[in-house]
Amino acid sequence: MKSNPGTIVLSVAGTLVLSWLAGGSTQESNPAAEPDAGVTQEGLQRVDPSIMAAAWVKPDFDLSGYTRIMLMPTAVQFRDVPETSIDARTRAMTEEFPLNDERKEWLRGLWRESVQGRFVQEDYYEFFVGVDSNVLVVQGFLVDVVSRIPPIAPGSTYTFAKDPWSAAIVLELRDAATAELVARTIDQRHAEGLLEVGTVWYLTEDLVERWAEVLSERRDQLSELGGLRREGPDWAR
């Protein structure tokens, strides 16, 4: 069953991070929006895919009034994969494997550090902590993270994972003063190939860093679409 993009992220943002209020608008529709695609529960309209893939914005989407950005904490939500007894026979028939708490925390840490590291490299946005009418809140999520990495088989020299990771990368932009959601992007990403399990864990850090780049790429596209100023602080000019 396909899930509503708005429903997926609401559960993540509401449960793991903050509870926000959503607002509506009766102003004139943004020409970049695709009206036939419907709206999310928060009233966001799908952007025409020829302009920007997998993006939803307010009908009156306009970022020109924002001059500062506040980066919020990240969150990671894992697909619920039940614990089962794995042996040589069931391993070959199983596609998804649960992650233990230690691995989950490790992945959360990788995502948090990768997102923060990616955004601090930029000098054309003024970052700010606080609530003001000209502050745009930026937040990134990993949603529906799936591991296809089997446990190492006892007595086996090599254990292989096929297409080891998949996840949805979600960016949300909100008005800091009202907490209103103004834009959202959703990108499905997959790590494909047949790799030895030890190699998968080693390469996952680079994979997560690439996923974090998706957030800044989408943020830049939304900034251009919505007219967000890129003046940057005085010291960066």
C-alpha atoms as a PDB file:
ATOM      1  CA  MET A   1       0.000   0.000   0.000  1.00  0.00           C
ATOM      2  CA  LYS A   2       1.275   3.474  -0.855  1.00  0.00           C
ATOM      3  CA  SER A   3       1.402   5.973   1.993  1.00  0.00           C
ATOM      4  CA  ASN A   4       0.455   9.615   1.893  1.00  0.00           C
ATOM      5  CA  PRO A   5       3.721  11.634   2.038  1.00  0.00           C
ATOM      6  CA  GLY A   6       2.214  13.964   4.601  1.00  0.00           C
ATOM      7  CA  THR A   7       1.126  11.122   6.860  1.00  0.00           C
ATOM      8  CA  ILE A   8       4.567   9.491   6.920  1.00  0.00           C
ATOM      9  CA  VAL A   9       6.444  12.531   8.082  1.00  0.00           C
ATOM     10  CA  LEU A  10       3.835  13.789  10.489  1.00  0.00           C
ATOM     11  CA  SER A  11       4.313  10.660  12.574  1.00  0.00           C
ATOM     12  CA  VAL A  12       8.076  11.163  12.599  1.00  0.00           C
ATOM     13  CA  ALA A  13       8.067  14.865  13.323  1.00  0.00           C
ATOM     14  CA  GLY A  14       5.330  14.601  15.906  1.00  0.00           C
ATOM     15  CA  THR A  15       6.593  11.544  17.757  1.00  0.00           C
ATOM     16  CA  LEU A  16      10.360  11.938  17.655  1.00  0.00           C
ATOM     17  CA  VAL A  17      11.008  15.644  17.492  1.00  0.00           C
ATOM     18  CA  LEU A  18       8.361  18.299  18.094  1.00  0.00           C
ATOM     19  CA  SER A  19       4.627  18.688  17.917  1.00  0.00           C
ATOM     20  CA  TRP A  20       3.824  21.431  15.415  1.00  0.00           C
ATOM     21  CA  LEU A  21       0.684  23.243  14.454  1.00  0.00           C
ATOM     22  CA  ALA A  22      -0.254  23.189  10.779  1.00  0.00           C
ATOM     23  CA  GLY A  23      -1.979  26.104   9.089  1.00  0.00           C
ATOM     24  CA  GLY A  24      -3.885  26.584   5.840  1.00  0.00           C
ATOM     25  CA  SER A  25      -4.026  29.343   3.267  1.00  0.00           C
ATOM     26  CA  THR A  26      -6.657  30.738   0.947  1.00  0.00           C
ATOM     27  CA  GLN A  27      -4.281  32.908  -1.059  1.00  0.00           C
ATOM     28  CA  GLU A  28      -3.609  32.579  -4.770  1.00  0.00           C
ATOM     29  CA  SER A  29      -1.978  29.304  -5.849  1.00  0.00           C
ATOM     30  CA  ASN A  30       1.707  29.161  -6.629  1.00  0.00           C
ATOM     31  CA  PRO A  31       2.242  28.615 -10.387  1.00  0.00           C
ATOM     32  CA  ALA A  32       4.884  25.968  -9.643  1.00  0.00           C
ATOM     33  CA  ALA A  33       2.341  23.775  -7.836  1.00  0.00           C
ATOM     34  CA  GLU A  34       0.641  20.901  -9.599  1.00  0.00           C
ATOM     35  CA  PRO A  35      -3.060  21.182  -8.624  1.00  0.00           C
ATOM     36  CA  ASP A  36      -4.130  17.847 -10.103  1.00  0.00           C
ATOM     37  CA  ALA A  37      -1.816  15.958  -7.738  1.00  0.00           C
ATOM     38  CA  GLY A  38      -3.990  16.783  -4.703  1.00  0.00           C
ATOM     39  CA  VAL A  39      -2.848  18.125  -1.370  1.00  0.00           C
ATOM     40  CA  THR A  40      -1.350  16.680   1.799  1.00  0.00           C
ATOM     41  CA  GLN A  41      -3.127  16.765   5.141  1.00  0.00           C
ATOM     42  CA  GLU A  42      -1.324  20.039   5.893  1.00  0.00           C
ATOM     43  CA  GLY A  43      -2.578  21.656   2.697  1.00  0.00           C
ATOM     44  CA  LEU A  44       0.666  21.394   0.718  1.00  0.00           C
ATOM     45  CA  GLN A  45       0.381  21.055  -3.056  1.00  0.00           C
ATOM     46  CA  ARG A  46       2.625  18.875  -5.208  1.00  0.00           C
ATOM     47  CA  VAL A  47       5.179  20.832  -7.218  1.00  0.00           C
ATOM     48  CA  ASP A  48       5.104  20.071 -10.915  1.00  0.00           C
ATOM     49  CA  PRO A  49       7.699  17.246 -11.319  1.00  0.00           C
ATOM     50  CA  SER A  50       9.114  18.975 -14.390  1.00  0.00           C
ATOM     51  CA  ILE A  51      10.156  21.825 -12.074  1.00  0.00           C
ATOM     52  CA  MET A  52      11.148  19.824  -8.999  1.00  0.00           C
ATOM     53  CA  ALA A  53      10.775  16.144  -8.211  1.00  0.00           C
ATOM     54  CA  ALA A  54       8.992  14.904  -5.083  1.00  0.00           C
ATOM     55  CA  ALA A  55       8.257  18.286  -3.504  1.00  0.00           C
ATOM     56  CA  TRP A  56       5.162  19.746  -1.834  1.00  0.00           C
ATOM     57  CA  VAL A  57       4.699  23.438  -0.956  1.00  0.00           C
ATOM     58  CA  LYS A  58       2.086  25.842   0.373  1.00  0.00           C
ATOM     59  CA  PRO A  59      -0.195  27.274  -2.307  1.00  0.00           C
ATOM     60  CA  ASP A  60       1.260  30.723  -1.567  1.00  0.00           C
ATOM     61  CA  PHE A  61       4.844  29.437  -1.266  1.00  0.00           C
ATOM     62  CA  ASP A  62       7.182  32.398  -0.821  1.00  0.00           C
ATOM     63  CA  LEU A  63      10.497  32.390   1.053  1.00  0.00           C
ATOM     64  CA  SER A  64      11.566  35.924   0.159  1.00  0.00           C
ATOM     65  CA  GLY A  65      10.750  37.215   3.635  1.00  0.00           C
ATOM     66  CA  TYR A  66      13.221  34.892   5.371  1.00  0.00           C
ATOM     67  CA  THR A  67      16.785  36.070   5.934  1.00  0.00           C
ATOM     68  CA  ARG A  68      18.012  33.507   8.476  1.00  0.00           C
ATOM     69  CA  ILE A  69      17.879  29.735   8.895  1.00  0.00           C
ATOM     70  CA  MET A  70      17.576  27.660  12.047  1.00  0.00           C
ATOM     71  CA  LEU A  71      18.734  24.049  11.727  1.00  0.00           C
ATOM     72  CA  MET A  72      16.677  21.729  13.927  1.00  0.00           C
ATOM     73  CA  PRO A  73      17.726  18.323  15.326  1.00  0.00           C
ATOM     74  CA  THR A  74      17.449  15.402  12.961  1.00  0.00           C
ATOM     75  CA  ALA A  75      15.470  12.200  13.458  1.00  0.00           C
ATOM     76  CA  VAL A  76      15.625   8.643  12.116  1.00  0.00           C
ATOM     77  CA  GLN A  77      12.667   6.274  11.904  1.00  0.00           C
ATOM     78  CA  PHE A  78      13.233   2.569  11.215  1.00  0.00           C
ATOM     79  CA  ARG A  79      10.841   0.167   9.566  1.00  0.00           C
ATOM     80  CA  ASP A  80       9.384  -2.256  12.107  1.00  0.00           C
ATOM     81  CA  VAL A  81      11.012  -5.571  11.211  1.00  0.00           C
ATOM     82  CA  PRO A  82      10.114  -8.366  13.645  1.00  0.00           C
ATOM     83  CA  GLU A  83      12.804 -10.407  15.338  1.00  0.00           C
ATOM     84  CA  THR A  84      12.938 -13.949  13.938  1.00  0.00           C
ATOM     85  CA  SER A  85      15.184 -16.942  14.304  1.00  0.00           C
ATOM     86  CA  ILE A  86      17.664 -16.931  11.421  1.00  0.00           C
ATOM     87  CA  ASP A  87      19.387 -20.086  10.197  1.00  0.00           C
ATOM     88  CA  ALA A  88      20.966 -21.130   6.908  1.00  0.00           C
ATOM     89  CA  ARG A  89      17.571 -21.924   5.382  1.00  0.00           C
ATOM     90  CA  THR A  90      15.605 -18.880   6.557  1.00  0.00           C
ATOM     91  CA  ARG A  91      18.485 -16.492   5.805  1.00  0.00           C
ATOM     92  CA  ALA A  92      18.172 -17.211   2.083  1.00  0.00           C
ATOM     93  CA  MET A  93      14.421 -16.515   2.196  1.00  0.00           C
ATOM     94  CA  THR A  94      14.569 -13.340   4.321  1.00  0.00           C
ATOM     95  CA  GLU A  95      14.871  -9.913   2.688  1.00  0.00           C
ATOM     96  CA  GLU A  96      14.737  -7.536   5.664  1.00  0.00           C
ATOM     97  CA  PHE A  97      16.637  -7.900   8.924  1.00  0.00           C
ATOM     98  CA  PRO A  98      16.076  -6.041  12.214  1.00  0.00           C
ATOM     99  CA  LEU A  99      18.746  -3.752  13.599  1.00  0.00           C
ATOM    100  CA  ASN A 100      19.688  -3.952  17.253  1.00  0.00           C
ATOM    101  CA  ASP A 101      19.569  -0.849  19.443  1.00  0.00           C
ATOM    102  CA  GLU A 102      23.324  -0.300  19.184  1.00  0.00           C
ATOM    103  CA  ARG A 103      23.224  -0.232  15.384  1.00  0.00           C
ATOM    104  CA  LYS A 104      20.215   2.081  15.400  1.00  0.00           C
ATOM    105  CA  GLU A 105      21.966   4.568  17.664  1.00  0.00           C
ATOM    106  CA  TRP A 106      25.067   4.317  15.501  1.00  0.00           C
ATOM    107  CA  LEU A 107      23.039   5.179  12.391  1.00  0.00           C
ATOM    108  CA  ARG A 108      21.255   8.033  14.177  1.00  0.00           C
ATOM    109  CA  GLY A 109      24.640   9.438  15.154  1.00  0.00           C
ATOM    110  CA  LEU A 110      25.946   9.152  11.587  1.00  0.00           C
ATOM    111  CA  TRP A 111      22.895  10.954  10.241  1.00  0.00           C
ATOM    112  CA  ARG A 112      23.058  13.725  12.841  1.00  0.00           C
ATOM    113  CA  GLU A 113      26.766  14.343  12.271  1.00  0.00           C
ATOM    114  CA  SER A 114      26.461  14.152   8.482  1.00  0.00           C
ATOM    115  CA  VAL A 115      23.594  16.669   8.346  1.00  0.00           C
ATOM    116  CA  GLN A 116      25.297  19.094  10.714  1.00  0.00           C
ATOM    117  CA  GLY A 117      28.607  18.734   8.892  1.00  0.00           C
ATOM    118  CA  ARG A 118      26.969  19.341   5.545  1.00  0.00           C
ATOM    119  CA  PHE A 119      25.195  22.536   6.590  1.00  0.00           C
ATOM    120  CA  VAL A 120      28.060  24.126   8.540  1.00  0.00           C
ATOM    121  CA  GLN A 121      30.145  24.074   5.346  1.00  0.00           C
ATOM    122  CA  GLU A 122      27.873  26.697   3.795  1.00  0.00           C
ATOM    123  CA  ASP A 123      28.538  30.390   4.226  1.00  0.00           C
ATOM    124  CA  TYR A 124      25.802  32.027   2.142  1.00  0.00           C
ATOM    125  CA  TYR A 125      23.073  31.493   4.743  1.00  0.00           C
ATOM    126  CA  GLU A 126      23.008  33.153   8.137  1.00  0.00           C
ATOM    127  CA  PHE A 127      22.266  30.506  10.748  1.00  0.00           C
ATOM    128  CA  PHE A 128      20.313  31.541  13.819  1.00  0.00           C
ATOM    129  CA  VAL A 129      18.865  29.969  16.968  1.00  0.00           C
ATOM    130  CA  GLY A 130      15.613  31.531  18.102  1.00  0.00           C
ATOM    131  CA  VAL A 131      12.125  32.479  17.004  1.00  0.00           C
ATOM    132  CA  ASP A 132      11.550  35.428  14.724  1.00  0.00           C
ATOM    133  CA  SER A 133       9.362  36.236  11.739  1.00  0.00           C
ATOM    134  CA  ASN A 134      12.333  36.136   9.337  1.00  0.00           C
ATOM    135  CA  VAL A 135      13.669  32.748  10.498  1.00  0.00           C
ATOM    136  CA  LEU A 136      13.108  29.609   8.429  1.00  0.00           C
ATOM    137  CA  VAL A 137      13.336  26.289  10.266  1.00  0.00           C
ATOM    138  CA  VAL A 138      15.129  23.495   8.384  1.00  0.00           C
ATOM    139  CA  GLN A 139      14.856  19.869   9.494  1.00  0.00           C
ATOM    140  CA  GLY A 140      15.960  16.590   7.915  1.00  0.00           C
ATOM    141  CA  PHE A 141      14.707  13.076   8.541  1.00  0.00           C
ATOM    142  CA  LEU A 142      15.541   9.542   7.520  1.00  0.00           C
ATOM    143  CA  VAL A 143      12.243   7.684   7.293  1.00  0.00           C
ATOM    144  CA  ASP A 144      11.408   4.012   6.838  1.00  0.00           C
ATOM    145  CA  VAL A 145      15.038   2.922   7.063  1.00  0.00           C
ATOM    146  CA  VAL A 146      15.389  -0.719   6.010  1.00  0.00           C
ATOM    147  CA  SER A 147      18.375  -3.007   6.534  1.00  0.00           C
ATOM    148  CA  ARG A 148      18.910  -5.992   4.252  1.00  0.00           C
ATOM    149  CA  ILE A 149      22.129  -6.918   6.014  1.00  0.00           C
ATOM    150  CA  PRO A 150      21.938 -10.507   7.360  1.00  0.00           C
ATOM    151  CA  PRO A 151      23.716 -11.596  10.520  1.00  0.00           C
ATOM    152  CA  ILE A 152      27.050 -13.271   9.871  1.00  0.00           C
ATOM    153  CA  ALA A 153      26.514 -16.973   9.350  1.00  0.00           C
ATOM    154  CA  PRO A 154      28.242 -19.142  11.965  1.00  0.00           C
ATOM    155  CA  GLY A 155      31.301 -20.843  10.525  1.00  0.00           C
ATOM    156  CA  SER A 156      31.093 -18.847   7.301  1.00  0.00           C
ATOM    157  CA  THR A 157      34.110 -16.962   5.976  1.00  0.00           C
ATOM    158  CA  TYR A 158      31.935 -14.505   4.047  1.00  0.00           C
ATOM    159  CA  THR A 159      28.345 -13.338   4.455  1.00  0.00           C
ATOM    160  CA  PHE A 160      26.899 -11.199   1.672  1.00  0.00           C
ATOM    161  CA  ALA A 161      24.178  -8.519   1.658  1.00  0.00           C
ATOM    162  CA  LYS A 162      22.223  -7.735  -1.494  1.00  0.00           C
ATOM    163  CA  ASP A 163      20.987  -4.128  -1.843  1.00  0.00           C
ATOM    164  CA  PRO A 164      21.813  -3.506   1.824  1.00  0.00           C
ATOM    165  CA  TRP A 165      20.014  -0.225   2.593  1.00  0.00           C
ATOM    166  CA  SER A 166      16.971   1.777   1.616  1.00  0.00           C
ATOM    167  CA  ALA A 167      15.408   4.868   3.167  1.00  0.00           C
ATOM    168  CA  ALA A 168      13.348   7.962   2.464  1.00  0.00           C
ATOM    169  CA  ILE A 169      15.161  11.283   2.892  1.00  0.00           C
ATOM    170  CA  VAL A 170      12.777  14.001   4.021  1.00  0.00           C
ATOM    171  CA  LEU A 171      13.342  17.737   4.219  1.00  0.00           C
ATOM    172  CA  GLU A 172      10.849  20.029   5.944  1.00  0.00           C
ATOM    173  CA  LEU A 173      10.806  23.816   6.024  1.00  0.00           C
ATOM    174  CA  ARG A 174       8.738  25.653   8.643  1.00  0.00           C
ATOM    175  CA  ASP A 175       8.063  29.189   9.699  1.00  0.00           C
ATOM    176  CA  ALA A 176       9.841  29.690  13.031  1.00  0.00           C
ATOM    177  CA  ALA A 177       7.267  32.110  14.416  1.00  0.00           C
ATOM    178  CA  THR A 178       4.159  30.024  13.659  1.00  0.00           C
ATOM    179  CA  ALA A 179       5.652  26.499  13.278  1.00  0.00           C
ATOM    180  CA  GLU A 180       3.633  26.243  10.048  1.00  0.00           C
ATOM    181  CA  LEU A 181       4.911  23.738   7.516  1.00  0.00           C
ATOM    182  CA  VAL A 182       5.671  25.544   4.251  1.00  0.00           C
ATOM    183  CA  ALA A 183       7.481  22.884   2.191  1.00  0.00           C
ATOM    184  CA  ARG A 184       8.490  19.242   2.172  1.00  0.00           C
ATOM    185  CA  THR A 185      10.580  17.054  -0.118  1.00  0.00           C
ATOM    186  CA  ILE A 186      10.788  13.257  -0.106  1.00  0.00           C
ATOM    187  CA  ASP A 187      13.499  11.277  -1.875  1.00  0.00           C
ATOM    188  CA  GLN A 188      13.725   7.492  -1.961  1.00  0.00           C
ATOM    189  CA  ARG A 189      17.304   6.241  -1.864  1.00  0.00           C
ATOM    190  CA  HIS A 190      18.762   2.726  -2.129  1.00  0.00           C
ATOM    191  CA  ALA A 191      22.195   1.208  -1.698  1.00  0.00           C
ATOM    192  CA  GLU A 192      22.394  -1.371  -4.458  1.00  0.00           C
ATOM    193  CA  GLY A 193      24.778  -4.227  -5.155  1.00  0.00           C
ATOM    194  CA  LEU A 194      26.104  -7.405  -3.593  1.00  0.00           C
ATOM    195  CA  LEU A 195      28.609  -6.686  -0.839  1.00  0.00           C
ATOM    196  CA  GLU A 196      30.313  -8.593   1.929  1.00  0.00           C
ATOM    197  CA  VAL A 197      28.718  -7.675   5.261  1.00  0.00           C
ATOM    198  CA  GLY A 198      31.898  -6.282   6.771  1.00  0.00           C
ATOM    199  CA  THR A 199      32.326  -4.016   3.765  1.00  0.00           C
ATOM    200  CA  VAL A 200      28.738  -2.772   4.044  1.00  0.00           C
ATOM    201  CA  TRP A 201      29.239  -1.460   7.565  1.00  0.00           C
ATOM    202  CA  TYR A 202      32.476   0.190   6.492  1.00  0.00           C
ATOM    203  CA  LEU A 203      30.858   1.951   3.513  1.00  0.00           C
ATOM    204  CA  THR A 204      27.667   3.041   5.306  1.00  0.00           C
ATOM    205  CA  GLU A 205      29.275   6.203   6.675  1.00  0.00           C
ATOM    206  CA  ASP A 206      29.979   7.480   3.140  1.00  0.00           C
ATOM    207  CA  LEU A 207      26.461   6.480   2.098  1.00  0.00           C
ATOM    208  CA  VAL A 208      24.854   8.481   4.911  1.00  0.00           C
ATOM    209  CA  GLU A 209      26.992  11.507   4.053  1.00  0.00           C
ATOM    210  CA  ARG A 210      25.700  11.328   0.487  1.00  0.00           C
ATOM    211  CA  TRP A 211      22.145  11.127   1.800  1.00  0.00           C
ATOM    212  CA  ALA A 212      22.774  14.279   3.847  1.00  0.00           C
ATOM    213  CA  GLU A 213      23.818  16.062   0.642  1.00  0.00           C
ATOM    214  CA  VAL A 214      20.324  15.419  -0.714  1.00  0.00           C
ATOM    215  CA  LEU A 215      18.912  17.681   2.004  1.00  0.00           C
ATOM    216  CA  SER A 216      21.060  20.651   1.039  1.00  0.00           C
ATOM    217  CA  GLU A 217      20.406  20.052  -2.661  1.00  0.00           C
ATOM    218  CA  ARG A 218      16.642  20.074  -2.091  1.00  0.00           C
ATOM    219  CA  ARG A 219      16.890  23.062   0.237  1.00  0.00           C
ATOM    220  CA  ASP A 220      18.742  24.982  -2.480  1.00  0.00           C
ATOM    221  CA  GLN A 221      16.086  24.061  -5.049  1.00  0.00           C
ATOM    222  CA  LEU A 222      13.301  25.195  -2.712  1.00  0.00           C
ATOM    223  CA  SER A 223      15.238  28.384  -1.973  1.00  0.00           C
ATOM    224  CA  GLU A 224      15.411  29.197  -5.660  1.00  0.00           C
ATOM    225  CA  LEU A 225      11.758  28.285  -6.166  1.00  0.00           C
ATOM    226  CA  GLY A 226      10.606  30.392  -3.221  1.00  0.00           C
ATOM    227  CA  GLY A 227      12.967  33.342  -3.621  1.00  0.00           C
ATOM    228  CA  LEU A 228      14.935  32.858  -0.395  1.00  0.00           C
ATOM    229  CA  ARG A 229      17.702  35.439  -0.041  1.00  0.00           C
ATOM    230  CA  ARG A 230      21.271  34.133  -0.085  1.00  0.00           C
ATOM    231  CA  GLU A 231      23.109  37.171   1.177  1.00  0.00           C
ATOM    232  CA  GLY A 232      24.935  35.436   3.992  1.00  0.00           C
ATOM    233  CA  PRO A 233      26.422  37.096   7.085  1.00  0.00           C
ATOM    234  CA  ASP A 234      28.677  40.129   6.700  1.00  0.00           C
ATOM    235  CA  TRP A 235      31.855  38.211   7.575  1.00  0.00           C
ATOM    236  CA  ALA A 236      31.241  35.743   4.726  1.00  0.00           C
ATOM    237  CA  ARG A 237      31.014  38.380   1.980  1.00  0.00           C
END
